[in-house]
Amino acid sequence: MLTPTAHTLEKLEMLLRSAGYRVRYEKGNFKTGACMLLESQMVVVNKFSNLESKIHAIAALIRELEIDYNLLDEKQVIFLQQLKQTKLQL
C-alpha cells in the first residue's frame, strides 16, 4: 500500500520521468486526478487535487502503462513491480 506522502509522489514522478514521460500539474475541467494526453507521453495532473488523490491517480496510470524496464534503475523496477501487484485502498 502506498503511503500518502510527498516522498511517494516524488517516487512516482521520478518513475514516470525515467520511463520518458513528462509530468505537469495544471488546472483543468477533468474530474480525475490525472490524464494522459493523446499518447504523447505527457501526464497531466490536476493541481487542485489533494496529495492522496494525486498519488492515486498517478499510480492508476502507471499500472496501465507499458513501461520498458530497461529504462529504470533497480530500485525503480522493484517499486514498479510492487505497484503493479497491489491495489490502492483509499
C-alpha atoms as a PDB file:
ATOM      1  CA  MET A   1       0.000   0.000   0.000  1.00  0.00           C
ATOM      2  CA  LEU A   2       1.255   3.464  -0.858  1.00  0.00           C
ATOM      3  CA  THR A   3       1.508   5.992   1.911  1.00  0.00           C
ATOM      4  CA  PRO A   4       0.135   9.424   1.005  1.00  0.00           C
ATOM      5  CA  THR A   5       3.352  11.413   1.462  1.00  0.00           C
ATOM      6  CA  ALA A   6       5.254  13.884  -0.683  1.00  0.00           C
ATOM      7  CA  HIS A   7       8.062  11.309  -0.948  1.00  0.00           C
ATOM      8  CA  THR A   8       5.699   8.746  -2.510  1.00  0.00           C
ATOM      9  CA  LEU A   9       4.507  11.325  -5.012  1.00  0.00           C
ATOM     10  CA  GLU A  10       8.120  12.154  -5.862  1.00  0.00           C
ATOM     11  CA  LYS A  11       8.952   8.456  -6.392  1.00  0.00           C
ATOM     12  CA  LEU A  12       6.002   8.087  -8.774  1.00  0.00           C
ATOM     13  CA  GLU A  13       7.031  11.205 -10.696  1.00  0.00           C
ATOM     14  CA  MET A  14      10.638  10.006 -10.991  1.00  0.00           C
ATOM     15  CA  LEU A  15       9.446   6.624 -12.219  1.00  0.00           C
ATOM     16  CA  LEU A  16       7.453   8.306 -14.984  1.00  0.00           C
ATOM     17  CA  ARG A  17      10.307  10.642 -15.908  1.00  0.00           C
ATOM     18  CA  SER A  18      12.778   7.757 -16.081  1.00  0.00           C
ATOM     19  CA  ALA A  19      10.383   5.968 -18.428  1.00  0.00           C
ATOM     20  CA  GLY A  20      10.318   9.000 -20.739  1.00  0.00           C
ATOM     21  CA  TYR A  21       7.090  10.648 -19.606  1.00  0.00           C
ATOM     22  CA  ARG A  22       6.671  14.294 -18.692  1.00  0.00           C
ATOM     23  CA  VAL A  23       4.607  15.180 -15.625  1.00  0.00           C
ATOM     24  CA  ARG A  24       2.802  18.509 -15.440  1.00  0.00           C
ATOM     25  CA  TYR A  25       0.476  19.954 -12.824  1.00  0.00           C
ATOM     26  CA  GLU A  26      -2.288  22.027 -14.401  1.00  0.00           C
ATOM     27  CA  LYS A  27      -5.752  23.229 -13.596  1.00  0.00           C
ATOM     28  CA  GLY A  28      -8.489  21.819 -15.735  1.00  0.00           C
ATOM     29  CA  ASN A  29     -12.009  20.590 -16.043  1.00  0.00           C
ATOM     30  CA  PHE A  30     -11.088  16.918 -15.862  1.00  0.00           C
ATOM     31  CA  LYS A  31     -12.701  15.093 -12.975  1.00  0.00           C
ATOM     32  CA  THR A  32      -9.958  12.524 -12.480  1.00  0.00           C
ATOM     33  CA  GLY A  33      -6.715  13.407 -10.779  1.00  0.00           C
ATOM     34  CA  ALA A  34      -4.553  12.801 -13.861  1.00  0.00           C
ATOM     35  CA  CYS A  35      -4.785  12.029 -17.541  1.00  0.00           C
ATOM     36  CA  MET A  36      -2.597  11.010 -20.457  1.00  0.00           C
ATOM     37  CA  LEU A  37      -2.526  13.417 -23.385  1.00  0.00           C
ATOM     38  CA  LEU A  38      -3.186  11.510 -26.616  1.00  0.00           C
ATOM     39  CA  GLU A  39      -0.318   9.073 -26.198  1.00  0.00           C
ATOM     40  CA  SER A  40       2.141  11.991 -26.166  1.00  0.00           C
ATOM     41  CA  GLN A  41       3.971  10.649 -23.125  1.00  0.00           C
ATOM     42  CA  MET A  42       2.742  13.550 -21.042  1.00  0.00           C
ATOM     43  CA  VAL A  43       0.830  13.051 -17.829  1.00  0.00           C
ATOM     44  CA  VAL A  44      -1.249  15.998 -16.662  1.00  0.00           C
ATOM     45  CA  VAL A  45      -2.203  16.001 -13.003  1.00  0.00           C
ATOM     46  CA  ASN A  46      -4.945  18.175 -11.569  1.00  0.00           C
ATOM     47  CA  LYS A  47      -3.010  20.639  -9.424  1.00  0.00           C
ATOM     48  CA  PHE A  48      -6.034  21.281  -7.222  1.00  0.00           C
ATOM     49  CA  SER A  49      -6.339  17.632  -6.137  1.00  0.00           C
ATOM     50  CA  ASN A  50      -5.123  16.744  -2.688  1.00  0.00           C
ATOM     51  CA  LEU A  51      -1.937  14.724  -2.207  1.00  0.00           C
ATOM     52  CA  GLU A  52      -3.732  11.419  -1.751  1.00  0.00           C
ATOM     53  CA  SER A  53      -5.757  11.909  -4.953  1.00  0.00           C
ATOM     54  CA  LYS A  54      -2.629  12.820  -6.933  1.00  0.00           C
ATOM     55  CA  ILE A  55      -0.859   9.671  -5.751  1.00  0.00           C
ATOM     56  CA  HIS A  56      -3.875   7.503  -6.504  1.00  0.00           C
ATOM     57  CA  ALA A  57      -4.325   8.983  -9.992  1.00  0.00           C
ATOM     58  CA  ILE A  58      -0.662   8.686 -10.997  1.00  0.00           C
ATOM     59  CA  ALA A  59      -0.385   5.149  -9.614  1.00  0.00           C
ATOM     60  CA  ALA A  60      -3.503   4.111 -11.561  1.00  0.00           C
ATOM     61  CA  LEU A  61      -1.997   5.488 -14.775  1.00  0.00           C
ATOM     62  CA  ILE A  62       1.334   3.763 -14.160  1.00  0.00           C
ATOM     63  CA  ARG A  63      -0.438   0.427 -13.709  1.00  0.00           C
ATOM     64  CA  GLU A  64      -1.934   0.780 -17.183  1.00  0.00           C
ATOM     65  CA  LEU A  65       1.265   1.863 -18.946  1.00  0.00           C
ATOM     66  CA  GLU A  66       3.674  -0.477 -20.668  1.00  0.00           C
ATOM     67  CA  ILE A  67       6.949   0.761 -19.210  1.00  0.00           C
ATOM     68  CA  ASP A  68      10.281  -0.514 -20.513  1.00  0.00           C
ATOM     69  CA  TYR A  69      12.133  -1.921 -17.507  1.00  0.00           C
ATOM     70  CA  ASN A  70      15.470  -1.255 -19.236  1.00  0.00           C
ATOM     71  CA  LEU A  71      14.935   2.488 -18.760  1.00  0.00           C
ATOM     72  CA  LEU A  72      14.670   2.154 -14.984  1.00  0.00           C
ATOM     73  CA  ASP A  73      17.226   1.566 -12.270  1.00  0.00           C
ATOM     74  CA  GLU A  74      16.975  -1.454  -9.974  1.00  0.00           C
ATOM     75  CA  LYS A  75      15.042   0.302  -7.200  1.00  0.00           C
ATOM     76  CA  GLN A  76      12.537   1.715  -9.684  1.00  0.00           C
ATOM     77  CA  VAL A  77      11.964  -1.730 -11.215  1.00  0.00           C
ATOM     78  CA  ILE A  78      11.206  -3.158  -7.774  1.00  0.00           C
ATOM     79  CA  PHE A  79       8.894  -0.233  -6.985  1.00  0.00           C
ATOM     80  CA  LEU A  80       7.088  -0.643 -10.323  1.00  0.00           C
ATOM     81  CA  GLN A  81       6.628  -4.385  -9.785  1.00  0.00           C
ATOM     82  CA  GLN A  82       5.204  -3.768  -6.303  1.00  0.00           C
ATOM     83  CA  LEU A  83       2.941  -1.074  -7.673  1.00  0.00           C
ATOM     84  CA  LYS A  84       1.560  -3.303 -10.399  1.00  0.00           C
ATOM     85  CA  GLN A  85       0.888  -6.100  -7.897  1.00  0.00           C
ATOM     86  CA  THR A  86      -1.042  -4.007  -5.383  1.00  0.00           C
ATOM     87  CA  LYS A  87      -4.283  -2.094  -5.436  1.00  0.00           C
ATOM     88  CA  LEU A  88      -4.703   1.218  -3.703  1.00  0.00           C
ATOM     89  CA  GLN A  89      -7.063   1.276  -0.767  1.00  0.00           C
ATOM     90  CA  LEU A  90      -8.247   4.790  -0.068  1.00  0.00           C
END
